[in-house]
PDB file of N, CA and C in Angstrom:
ATOM      1  N   MET A   1       0.075  20.951  17.711  1.00  0.00           N
ATOM      2  CA  MET A   1       1.371  20.336  17.942  1.00  0.00           C
ATOM      3  C   MET A   1       1.467  18.919  17.354  1.00  0.00           C
ATOM      4  N   PRO A   2       0.480  18.064  17.492  1.00  0.00           N
ATOM      5  CA  PRO A   2       0.592  16.716  16.906  1.00  0.00           C
ATOM      6  C   PRO A   2       0.834  16.744  15.412  1.00  0.00           C
ATOM      7  N   ILE A   3       0.291  17.740  14.718  1.00  0.00           N
ATOM      8  CA  ILE A   3       0.491  17.819  13.274  1.00  0.00           C
ATOM      9  C   ILE A   3       1.966  18.030  12.969  1.00  0.00           C
ATOM     10  N   ASN A   4       2.624  18.895  13.719  1.00  0.00           N
ATOM     11  CA  ASN A   4       4.038  19.179  13.519  1.00  0.00           C
ATOM     12  C   ASN A   4       4.885  17.936  13.760  1.00  0.00           C
ATOM     13  N   VAL A   5       4.599  17.193  14.816  1.00  0.00           N
ATOM     14  CA  VAL A   5       5.343  15.971  15.113  1.00  0.00           C
ATOM     15  C   VAL A   5       5.118  14.953  14.006  1.00  0.00           C
ATOM     16  N   ASN A   6       3.874  14.838  13.528  1.00  0.00           N
ATOM     17  CA  ASN A   6       3.562  13.900  12.462  1.00  0.00           C
ATOM     18  C   ASN A   6       4.336  14.258  11.192  1.00  0.00           C
ATOM     19  N   ASN A   7       4.406  15.525  10.852  1.00  0.00           N
ATOM     20  CA  ASN A   7       5.159  15.954   9.676  1.00  0.00           C
ATOM     21  C   ASN A   7       6.631  15.596   9.807  1.00  0.00           C
ATOM     22  N   GLU A   8       7.188  15.780  10.995  1.00  0.00           N
ATOM     23  CA  GLU A   8       8.597  15.438  11.214  1.00  0.00           C
ATOM     24  C   GLU A   8       8.824  13.942  11.039  1.00  0.00           C
ATOM     25  N   GLU A   9       7.884  13.139  11.504  1.00  0.00           N
ATOM     26  CA  GLU A   9       8.002  11.688  11.358  1.00  0.00           C
ATOM     27  C   GLU A   9       7.951  11.288   9.886  1.00  0.00           C
ATOM     28  N   VAL A  10       7.057  11.894   9.129  1.00  0.00           N
ATOM     29  CA  VAL A  10       6.934  11.590   7.701  1.00  0.00           C
ATOM     30  C   VAL A  10       8.213  11.987   6.984  1.00  0.00           C
ATOM     31  N   LEU A  11       8.722  13.180   7.277  1.00  0.00           N
ATOM     32  CA  LEU A  11       9.959  13.632   6.638  1.00  0.00           C
ATOM     33  C   LEU A  11      11.133  12.721   6.986  1.00  0.00           C
ATOM     34  N   GLU A  12      11.207  12.280   8.226  1.00  0.00           N
ATOM     35  CA  GLU A  12      12.287  11.377   8.638  1.00  0.00           C
ATOM     36  C   GLU A  12      12.181  10.047   7.903  1.00  0.00           C
ATOM     37  N   ARG A  13      10.973   9.514   7.799  1.00  0.00           N
ATOM     38  CA  ARG A  13      10.764   8.232   7.121  1.00  0.00           C
ATOM     39  C   ARG A  13      11.123   8.351   5.639  1.00  0.00           C
ATOM     40  N   ARG A  14      10.719   9.455   5.016  1.00  0.00           N
ATOM     41  CA  ARG A  14      10.999   9.633   3.590  1.00  0.00           C
ATOM     42  C   ARG A  14      12.473   9.893   3.327  1.00  0.00           C
ATOM     43  N   SER A  15      13.181  10.464   4.266  1.00  0.00           N
ATOM     44  CA  SER A  15      14.604  10.727   4.044  1.00  0.00           C
ATOM     45  C   SER A  15      15.412   9.428   4.002  1.00  0.00           C
ATOM     46  N   ARG A  16      14.845   8.350   4.534  1.00  0.00           N
ATOM     47  CA  ARG A  16      15.523   7.047   4.494  1.00  0.00           C
ATOM     48  C   ARG A  16      15.134   6.228   3.278  1.00  0.00           C
ATOM     49  N   GLU A  17      14.176   6.711   2.482  1.00  0.00           N
ATOM     50  CA  GLU A  17      13.749   5.995   1.282  1.00  0.00           C
ATOM     51  C   GLU A  17      14.845   6.009   0.227  1.00  0.00           C
ATOM     52  N   THR A  18      14.933   4.906  -0.485  1.00  0.00           N
ATOM     53  CA  THR A  18      15.813   4.878  -1.647  1.00  0.00           C
ATOM     54  C   THR A  18      15.059   5.533  -2.805  1.00  0.00           C
ATOM     55  N   PRO A  19      15.755   5.928  -3.861  1.00  0.00           N
ATOM     56  CA  PRO A  19      15.049   6.491  -5.019  1.00  0.00           C
ATOM     57  C   PRO A  19      13.995   5.535  -5.598  1.00  0.00           C
ATOM     58  N   LEU A  20      14.289   4.237  -5.610  1.00  0.00           N
ATOM     59  CA  LEU A  20      13.304   3.270  -6.117  1.00  0.00           C
ATOM     60  C   LEU A  20      12.068   3.222  -5.229  1.00  0.00           C
ATOM     61  N   GLU A  21      12.265   3.296  -3.914  1.00  0.00           N
ATOM     62  CA  GLU A  21      11.127   3.291  -2.997  1.00  0.00           C
ATOM     63  C   GLU A  21      10.296   4.563  -3.150  1.00  0.00           C
ATOM     64  N   THR A  22      10.967   5.685  -3.339  1.00  0.00           N
ATOM     65  CA  THR A  22      10.255   6.950  -3.539  1.00  0.00           C
ATOM     66  C   THR A  22       9.420   6.882  -4.810  1.00  0.00           C
ATOM     67  N   ALA A  23      10.014   6.378  -5.894  1.00  0.00           N
ATOM     68  CA  ALA A  23       9.288   6.261  -7.156  1.00  0.00           C
ATOM     69  C   ALA A  23       8.081   5.329  -7.007  1.00  0.00           C
ATOM     70  N   ALA A  24       8.265   4.211  -6.329  1.00  0.00           N
ATOM     71  CA  ALA A  24       7.164   3.259  -6.130  1.00  0.00           C
ATOM     72  C   ALA A  24       6.055   3.889  -5.292  1.00  0.00           C
ATOM     73  N   ARG A  25       6.428   4.631  -4.250  1.00  0.00           N
ATOM     74  CA  ARG A  25       5.430   5.288  -3.404  1.00  0.00           C
ATOM     75  C   ARG A  25       4.633   6.318  -4.207  1.00  0.00           C
ATOM     76  N   LEU A  26       5.319   7.111  -5.005  1.00  0.00           N
ATOM     77  CA  LEU A  26       4.631   8.129  -5.799  1.00  0.00           C
ATOM     78  C   LEU A  26       3.746   7.510  -6.875  1.00  0.00           C
ATOM     79  N   ARG A  27       4.224   6.428  -7.506  1.00  0.00           N
ATOM     80  CA  ARG A  27       3.377   5.749  -8.502  1.00  0.00           C
ATOM     81  C   ARG A  27       2.112   5.225  -7.845  1.00  0.00           C
ATOM     82  N   ALA A  28       2.239   4.625  -6.663  1.00  0.00           N
ATOM     83  CA  ALA A  28       1.067   4.109  -5.955  1.00  0.00           C
ATOM     84  C   ALA A  28       0.136   5.252  -5.543  1.00  0.00           C
ATOM     85  N   GLU A  29       0.710   6.352  -5.084  1.00  0.00           N
ATOM     86  CA  GLU A  29      -0.090   7.492  -4.641  1.00  0.00           C
ATOM     87  C   GLU A  29      -0.908   8.089  -5.782  1.00  0.00           C
ATOM     88  N   PHE A  30      -0.334   8.116  -6.978  1.00  0.00           N
ATOM     89  CA  PHE A  30      -1.015   8.721  -8.119  1.00  0.00           C
ATOM     90  C   PHE A  30      -1.647   7.695  -9.051  1.00  0.00           C
ATOM     91  N   GLY A  31      -1.587   6.418  -8.689  1.00  0.00           N
ATOM     92  CA  GLY A  31      -2.239   5.377  -9.469  1.00  0.00           C
ATOM     93  C   GLY A  31      -1.590   5.104 -10.811  1.00  0.00           C
ATOM     94  N   ILE A  32      -0.269   5.242 -10.882  1.00  0.00           N
ATOM     95  CA  ILE A  32       0.450   5.016 -12.128  1.00  0.00           C
ATOM     96  C   ILE A  32       0.971   3.582 -12.144  1.00  0.00           C
ATOM     97  N   VAL A  33       0.705   2.874 -13.224  1.00  0.00           N
ATOM     98  CA  VAL A  33       1.168   1.492 -13.374  1.00  0.00           C
ATOM     99  C   VAL A  33       2.144   1.449 -14.545  1.00  0.00           C
ATOM    100  N   LEU A  34       3.330   0.901 -14.307  1.00  0.00           N
ATOM    101  CA  LEU A  34       4.329   0.789 -15.366  1.00  0.00           C
ATOM    102  C   LEU A  34       4.142  -0.507 -16.138  1.00  0.00           C
ATOM    103  N   SER A  35       4.300  -0.412 -17.447  1.00  0.00           N
ATOM    104  CA  SER A  35       4.263  -1.611 -18.282  1.00  0.00           C
ATOM    105  C   SER A  35       5.604  -2.336 -18.146  1.00  0.00           C
ATOM    106  N   GLU A  36       5.661  -3.547 -18.635  1.00  0.00           N
ATOM    107  CA  GLU A  36       6.921  -4.301 -18.596  1.00  0.00           C
ATOM    108  C   GLU A  36       8.011  -3.576 -19.383  1.00  0.00           C
ATOM    109  N   GLN A  37       7.639  -2.979 -20.516  1.00  0.00           N
ATOM    110  CA  GLN A  37       8.611  -2.254 -21.328  1.00  0.00           C
ATOM    111  C   GLN A  37       9.166  -1.054 -20.561  1.00  0.00           C
ATOM    112  N   ALA A  38       8.320  -0.370 -19.809  1.00  0.00           N
ATOM    113  CA  ALA A  38       8.766   0.802 -19.056  1.00  0.00           C
ATOM    114  C   ALA A  38       9.689   0.418 -17.905  1.00  0.00           C
ATOM    115  N   ARG A  39       9.634  -0.819 -17.450  1.00  0.00           N
ATOM    116  CA  ARG A  39      10.482  -1.264 -16.339  1.00  0.00           C
ATOM    117  C   ARG A  39      11.908  -1.610 -16.789  1.00  0.00           C
ATOM    118  N   LYS A  40      12.111  -1.766 -18.096  1.00  0.00           N
ATOM    119  CA  LYS A  40      13.437  -2.117 -18.600  1.00  0.00           C
ATOM    120  C   LYS A  40      14.294  -0.857 -18.752  1.00  0.00           C
ATOM    121  N   PRO A  41      15.536  -0.898 -18.295  1.00  0.00           N
ATOM    122  CA  PRO A  41      16.401   0.268 -18.472  1.00  0.00           C
ATOM    123  C   PRO A  41      16.726   0.484 -19.950  1.00  0.00           C
ATOM    124  N   LEU A  42      16.952   1.727 -20.290  1.00  0.00           N
ATOM    125  CA  LEU A  42      17.331   2.051 -21.670  1.00  0.00           C
ATOM    126  C   LEU A  42      18.759   1.596 -21.935  1.00  0.00           C
ATOM    127  N   PRO A  43      19.100   1.296 -23.177  1.00  0.00           N
ATOM    128  CA  PRO A  43      20.465   0.907 -23.515  1.00  0.00           C
ATOM    129  C   PRO A  43      21.435   2.077 -23.284  1.00  0.00           C
ATOM    130  N   ARG A  44      22.669   1.766 -23.006  1.00  0.00           N
ATOM    131  CA  ARG A  44      23.692   2.761 -22.721  1.00  0.00           C
ATOM    132  C   ARG A  44      23.813   3.839 -23.804  1.00  0.00           C
ATOM    133  N   PRO A  45      23.746   3.498 -25.102  1.00  0.00           N
ATOM    134  CA  PRO A  45      23.865   4.532 -26.130  1.00  0.00           C
ATOM    135  C   PRO A  45      22.811   5.644 -26.016  1.00  0.00           C
ATOM    136  N   VAL A  46      21.642   5.327 -25.499  1.00  0.00           N
ATOM    137  CA  VAL A  46      20.604   6.348 -25.330  1.00  0.00           C
ATOM    138  C   VAL A  46      21.080   7.399 -24.332  1.00  0.00           C
ATOM    139  N   TYR A  47      21.646   6.948 -23.200  1.00  0.00           N
ATOM    140  CA  TYR A  47      22.148   7.882 -22.193  1.00  0.00           C
ATOM    141  C   TYR A  47      23.328   8.686 -22.735  1.00  0.00           C
ATOM    142  N   ASP A  48      24.187   8.025 -23.492  1.00  0.00           N
ATOM    143  CA  ASP A  48      25.325   8.721 -24.087  1.00  0.00           C
ATOM    144  C   ASP A  48      24.859   9.831 -25.021  1.00  0.00           C
ATOM    145  N   GLU A  49      23.846   9.531 -25.832  1.00  0.00           N
ATOM    146  CA  GLU A  49      23.329  10.535 -26.760  1.00  0.00           C
ATOM    147  C   GLU A  49      22.702  11.709 -26.012  1.00  0.00           C
ATOM    148  N   LEU A  50      21.962  11.424 -24.935  1.00  0.00           N
ATOM    149  CA  LEU A  50      21.343  12.482 -24.160  1.00  0.00           C
ATOM    150  C   LEU A  50      22.369  13.388 -23.499  1.00  0.00           C
ATOM    151  N   SER A  51      23.484  12.802 -23.048  1.00  0.00           N
ATOM    152  CA  SER A  51      24.491  13.596 -22.339  1.00  0.00           C
ATOM    153  C   SER A  51      25.480  14.256 -23.303  1.00  0.00           C
ATOM    154  N   GLY A  52      25.424  13.889 -24.574  1.00  0.00           N
ATOM    155  CA  GLY A  52      26.346  14.470 -25.550  1.00  0.00           C
ATOM    156  C   GLY A  52      27.623  13.676 -25.713  1.00  0.00           C
ATOM    157  N   ASP A  53      27.764  12.569 -24.972  1.00  0.00           N
ATOM    158  CA  ASP A  53      28.925  11.687 -25.118  1.00  0.00           C
ATOM    159  C   ASP A  53      28.668  10.724 -26.271  1.00  0.00           C
ATOM    160  N   ASP A  54      29.586  10.695 -27.235  1.00  0.00           N
ATOM    161  CA  ASP A  54      29.386   9.785 -28.361  1.00  0.00           C
ATOM    162  C   ASP A  54      30.368   8.651 -28.345  1.00  0.00           C
TER     163      ASP A  54
END
């Protein structure tokens, strides 16, 4: 029974995470370190090209 309650607590805590917090948690869990270049968002034209909007 304690395992089930613990799982519910973890799921509840994670459901309140923002996408940035989830990404940071997963990077820490798997030991992934982002470079400064990887932290910068891509320019808008890149997203437009990916979505087919020109």
